[in-house]
Amino acid sequence: MKPASLLLLLAVLLCAPLRAQVGEHRNDLTIGVNGGYLLNRTSFNPTIKKKYKGGETFGVTVRYTCEKYFAAICAIQAEINYANMGWKEDIDPELSSDTYYRDMRYIQMPIFARLSWGRERKGFLFGFLIGPQLGYCFSETEHYSDPWAGTPRPNNVTQQYGKTVERRFEYGISGGLSFEIGTKRAGRFMLEGYYFYGLSDIFNNSKKDPFGRSANGAIIVKAAYLYDIIRTKDIVEKPRKRKRK
């Protein structure tokens, strides 16, 4: 089994219900909306010289907190997001006046195992996120400069132009950090940043196809507003210790 497949399997196992552990039971359900920005760069083999392409992302977030194990608060967090992925080519202006980038619009669903530490109800929480991510590319648009020559390119790779996405379903693994501030009545405000590593290709990759690899990789930063729908009762948090002067 390849290392990437092992990582995906590990993430799936991490996202299994955590209540089998011995700890303080929780039954918190939190929902909300999120929005942010991503930088995507599709990896190709043979190599295409490219830059990160920016795009918007937004969606809904659902989180179920099931246990506090020692100081760690264990939860499963799922999102359904729109994301504008794609790539932007880095074409040497001394070789060509061409510019090219492609928008690939996805519906994505990351499923995170989330471990966090801090104040459950009111205050600051710091957390780690890791888990599998699924996606579907429902549309794409190529953007060519005018005029357009199409050549030359440093390694003569031009098969991507006019080639539509052949594998619209995508899967990979995401992992990163989250920072959250909880309030008594106004809800929760969260900032999260994570990296998505694509394990699938957007083009066919058999020996007769031009690309052996064509996978997305994105840096994603989002802000979210969340609200507790269900809360575990009778949680008493220790008051913060004040420093003596």
Protein backbone atom coordinates (compact mmCIF):
# COMPACT_ATOMS: atom_id res chain seq x y z
CA MET A 1 0.00 0.00 0.00
CA LYS A 2 1.32 3.46 -0.92
CA PRO A 3 2.13 5.98 1.88
CA ALA A 4 -0.60 8.33 0.62
CA SER A 5 -3.17 5.53 0.88
CA LEU A 6 -2.02 4.77 4.41
CA LEU A 7 -2.48 8.42 5.36
CA LEU A 8 -6.03 8.37 4.01
CA LEU A 9 -6.84 5.17 5.88
CA LEU A 10 -5.44 6.66 9.09
CA ALA A 11 -7.57 9.77 8.68
CA VAL A 12 -10.72 7.68 8.17
CA LEU A 13 -9.98 5.71 11.33
CA LEU A 14 -9.41 8.92 13.27
CA CYS A 15 -12.84 10.12 12.21
CA ALA A 16 -14.57 7.08 13.71
CA PRO A 17 -16.67 7.84 16.80
CA LEU A 18 -14.37 8.74 19.69
CA ARG A 19 -16.83 7.79 22.43
CA ALA A 20 -15.21 4.39 22.78
CA GLN A 21 -12.50 6.13 24.81
CA VAL A 22 -12.82 6.59 28.54
CA GLY A 23 -13.48 10.23 29.37
CA GLU A 24 -16.12 12.79 30.20
CA HIS A 25 -19.11 12.41 27.89
CA ARG A 26 -20.16 15.34 25.73
CA ASN A 27 -23.20 15.77 23.50
CA ASP A 28 -22.66 19.15 21.79
CA LEU A 29 -23.92 19.94 18.30
CA THR A 30 -22.69 23.13 16.65
CA ILE A 31 -23.56 24.46 13.19
CA GLY A 32 -22.64 27.59 11.24
CA VAL A 33 -21.31 29.17 8.07
CA ASN A 34 -17.77 29.66 6.82
CA GLY A 35 -15.97 31.62 4.14
CA GLY A 36 -12.42 32.33 3.08
CA TYR A 37 -9.71 32.14 0.48
CA LEU A 38 -7.56 29.39 -1.00
CA LEU A 39 -4.35 29.11 -3.00
CA ASN A 40 -4.35 26.07 -5.29
CA ARG A 41 -1.60 24.65 -7.49
CA THR A 42 -2.19 21.53 -9.55
CA SER A 43 0.83 19.21 -9.69
CA PHE A 44 1.64 17.74 -13.11
CA ASN A 45 3.98 15.07 -14.39
CA PRO A 46 5.49 16.00 -16.87
CA THR A 47 5.99 19.30 -15.08
CA ILE A 48 4.16 22.48 -16.03
CA LYS A 49 5.67 25.67 -14.65
CA LYS A 50 2.92 27.33 -12.62
CA LYS A 51 1.99 29.60 -9.72
CA TYR A 52 -0.58 29.34 -6.96
CA LYS A 53 -4.01 30.48 -8.17
CA GLY A 54 -6.27 32.21 -5.69
CA GLY A 55 -9.96 31.50 -5.35
CA GLU A 56 -12.92 31.90 -3.03
CA THR A 57 -14.42 29.22 -0.81
CA PHE A 58 -17.51 29.21 1.43
CA GLY A 59 -20.02 26.79 2.89
CA VAL A 60 -21.56 25.30 6.03
CA THR A 61 -19.90 23.69 9.05
CA VAL A 62 -21.35 21.03 11.39
CA ARG A 63 -19.48 19.81 14.46
CA TYR A 64 -20.33 17.13 16.99
CA THR A 65 -18.35 17.07 20.24
CA CYS A 66 -18.52 13.70 21.92
CA GLU A 67 -15.93 13.55 24.69
CA LYS A 68 -13.40 15.35 26.84
CA TYR A 69 -10.45 13.03 27.33
CA PHE A 70 -8.21 14.48 30.03
CA ALA A 71 -7.71 18.05 28.70
CA ALA A 72 -8.43 17.22 25.04
CA ILE A 73 -11.89 17.95 23.65
CA CYS A 74 -12.72 15.38 20.95
CA ALA A 75 -15.04 16.20 18.07
CA ILE A 76 -15.91 15.35 14.48
CA GLN A 77 -16.30 18.33 12.15
CA ALA A 78 -17.78 18.13 8.65
CA GLU A 79 -18.11 20.87 6.05
CA ILE A 80 -19.83 21.23 2.69
CA ASN A 81 -18.07 23.93 0.69
CA TYR A 82 -17.90 25.56 -2.70
CA ALA A 83 -14.27 26.06 -3.78
CA ASN A 84 -12.72 27.71 -6.83
CA MET A 85 -9.64 25.58 -7.50
CA GLY A 86 -7.40 25.41 -10.59
CA TRP A 87 -3.96 26.59 -11.61
CA LYS A 88 -2.15 29.56 -13.14
CA GLU A 89 0.77 29.00 -15.48
CA ASP A 90 4.05 30.82 -14.97
CA ILE A 91 4.96 31.58 -18.59
CA ASP A 92 8.28 33.35 -19.17
CA PRO A 93 7.46 36.71 -20.81
CA GLU A 94 10.76 36.53 -22.70
CA LEU A 95 9.55 33.35 -24.42
CA SER A 96 5.90 34.25 -24.95
CA SER A 97 3.33 36.95 -24.21
CA ASP A 98 0.73 34.26 -23.41
CA THR A 99 -1.06 34.12 -20.06
CA TYR A 100 -3.22 31.21 -18.98
CA TYR A 101 -5.17 30.11 -15.94
CA ARG A 102 -8.02 27.70 -15.33
CA ASP A 103 -10.88 27.88 -12.82
CA MET A 104 -12.17 24.52 -11.57
CA ARG A 105 -15.26 24.83 -9.40
CA TYR A 106 -15.76 22.13 -6.78
CA ILE A 107 -18.24 21.04 -4.17
CA GLN A 108 -16.04 19.70 -1.37
CA MET A 109 -16.69 17.80 1.85
CA PRO A 110 -13.84 17.59 4.36
CA ILE A 111 -14.46 15.43 7.42
CA PHE A 112 -12.11 16.26 10.27
CA ALA A 113 -11.19 14.57 13.51
CA ARG A 114 -10.74 17.59 15.78
CA LEU A 115 -8.77 17.71 19.02
CA SER A 116 -8.82 21.01 20.89
CA TRP A 117 -7.68 22.43 24.20
CA GLY A 118 -8.97 25.40 26.16
CA ARG A 119 -12.30 26.79 27.36
CA GLU A 120 -15.31 24.80 26.16
CA ARG A 121 -18.00 27.39 26.79
CA LYS A 122 -16.54 30.86 27.04
CA GLY A 123 -12.99 31.67 26.04
CA PHE A 124 -10.24 30.49 23.70
CA LEU A 125 -9.85 27.07 22.07
CA PHE A 126 -6.85 25.84 20.07
CA GLY A 127 -7.24 22.72 17.94
CA PHE A 128 -5.76 20.31 15.40
CA LEU A 129 -7.72 19.09 12.35
CA ILE A 130 -7.06 16.04 10.19
CA GLY A 131 -9.22 13.91 7.95
CA PRO A 132 -10.26 12.85 4.44
CA GLN A 133 -11.77 15.20 1.90
CA LEU A 134 -14.03 14.41 -1.05
CA GLY A 135 -14.89 16.71 -3.93
CA TYR A 136 -16.68 16.95 -7.25
CA CYS A 137 -15.72 19.32 -10.08
CA PHE A 138 -19.01 20.53 -11.58
CA SER A 139 -17.65 23.19 -13.98
CA GLU A 140 -14.43 24.67 -15.34
CA THR A 141 -13.34 27.66 -17.40
CA GLU A 142 -10.08 28.24 -19.28
CA HIS A 143 -8.77 31.79 -19.54
CA TYR A 144 -6.45 32.53 -22.49
CA SER A 145 -4.72 35.80 -23.25
CA ASP A 146 -5.48 37.61 -26.49
CA PRO A 147 -3.44 37.18 -28.66
CA TRP A 148 -2.65 33.52 -27.95
CA ALA A 149 0.27 31.63 -29.48
CA GLY A 150 0.27 28.45 -27.38
CA THR A 151 4.06 28.02 -27.76
CA PRO A 152 6.89 27.95 -26.93
CA ARG A 153 7.01 26.35 -23.49
CA PRO A 154 10.19 25.40 -21.54
CA ASN A 155 9.49 21.65 -21.71
CA ASN A 156 7.09 21.66 -24.70
CA VAL A 157 4.11 20.49 -22.60
CA THR A 158 0.92 21.88 -24.17
CA GLN A 159 -1.52 18.94 -23.92
CA GLN A 160 -3.39 20.62 -21.06
CA TYR A 161 -4.83 23.36 -23.28
CA GLY A 162 -8.40 22.58 -24.29
CA LYS A 163 -8.34 19.34 -22.29
CA THR A 164 -11.38 19.07 -20.02
CA VAL A 165 -11.32 17.48 -16.57
CA GLU A 166 -11.69 13.72 -17.06
CA ARG A 167 -11.92 12.65 -13.41
CA ARG A 168 -14.43 14.92 -11.73
CA PHE A 169 -14.56 13.06 -8.42
CA GLU A 170 -11.64 13.93 -6.16
CA TYR A 171 -10.32 12.60 -2.87
CA GLY A 172 -7.43 13.47 -0.62
CA ILE A 173 -6.44 14.34 2.92
CA SER A 174 -6.57 17.66 4.77
CA GLY A 175 -4.91 18.77 7.98
CA GLY A 176 -4.25 21.96 9.87
CA LEU A 177 -5.06 24.18 12.85
CA SER A 178 -8.07 26.00 14.26
CA PHE A 179 -8.43 28.92 16.64
CA GLU A 180 -11.78 29.61 18.27
CA ILE A 181 -13.31 32.13 20.65
CA GLY A 182 -16.53 31.12 22.41
CA THR A 183 -18.97 33.63 23.88
CA LYS A 184 -21.83 33.10 26.31
CA ARG A 185 -24.64 34.22 23.98
CA ALA A 186 -23.22 35.46 20.65
CA GLY A 187 -21.94 32.09 19.44
CA ARG A 188 -18.48 31.02 18.40
CA PHE A 189 -15.97 32.66 16.09
CA MET A 190 -13.43 30.36 14.46
CA LEU A 191 -10.40 30.79 12.23
CA GLU A 192 -8.98 27.69 10.57
CA GLY A 193 -6.11 27.06 8.21
CA TYR A 194 -5.30 23.75 6.60
CA TYR A 195 -3.60 22.12 3.62
CA PHE A 196 -5.38 19.82 1.17
CA TYR A 197 -3.26 17.15 -0.52
CA GLY A 198 -5.02 15.54 -3.48
CA LEU A 199 -4.56 11.78 -3.91
CA SER A 200 -6.54 11.57 -7.15
CA ASP A 201 -5.86 13.04 -10.60
CA ILE A 202 -8.03 15.37 -12.68
CA PHE A 203 -6.89 13.74 -15.96
CA ASN A 204 -6.60 10.08 -16.90
CA ASN A 205 -3.14 8.73 -16.08
CA SER A 206 -2.63 5.51 -18.07
CA LYS A 207 0.56 4.97 -20.11
CA LYS A 208 -1.12 6.29 -23.25
CA ASP A 209 -2.25 9.52 -21.54
CA PRO A 210 -0.05 12.66 -21.57
CA PHE A 211 0.04 13.12 -17.76
CA GLY A 212 1.06 10.58 -15.15
CA ARG A 213 -0.04 12.90 -12.36
CA SER A 214 -2.43 15.87 -12.24
CA ALA A 215 -3.53 16.42 -8.63
CA ASN A 216 -4.67 19.47 -6.69
CA GLY A 217 -2.94 20.87 -3.63
CA ALA A 218 -4.37 23.86 -1.78
CA ILE A 219 -3.66 26.12 1.19
CA ILE A 220 -7.03 27.11 2.68
CA VAL A 221 -7.79 29.81 5.25
CA LYS A 222 -11.36 30.37 6.47
CA ALA A 223 -13.31 32.21 9.13
CA ALA A 224 -16.53 30.75 10.52
CA TYR A 225 -19.43 31.74 12.74
CA LEU A 226 -20.88 28.84 14.72
CA TYR A 227 -23.74 28.44 17.15
CA ASP A 228 -24.42 25.67 19.67
CA ILE A 229 -27.70 23.88 18.89
CA ILE A 230 -27.31 21.19 21.57
CA ARG A 231 -25.19 21.64 24.70
CA THR A 232 -24.11 19.17 27.34
CA LYS A 233 -25.61 20.21 30.66
CA ASP A 234 -23.86 20.73 33.98
CA ILE A 235 -20.40 21.52 32.61
CA VAL A 236 -18.47 23.54 35.14
CA GLU A 237 -15.17 25.03 34.03
CA LYS A 238 -12.53 26.05 36.50
CA PRO A 239 -12.14 29.82 36.77
CA ARG A 240 -8.97 31.32 35.38
CA LYS A 241 -6.25 31.87 37.92
CA ARG A 242 -5.35 35.50 38.36
CA LYS A 243 -1.72 36.40 38.71
CA ARG A 244 -0.82 37.96 42.02
CA LYS A 245 0.82 41.36 41.82
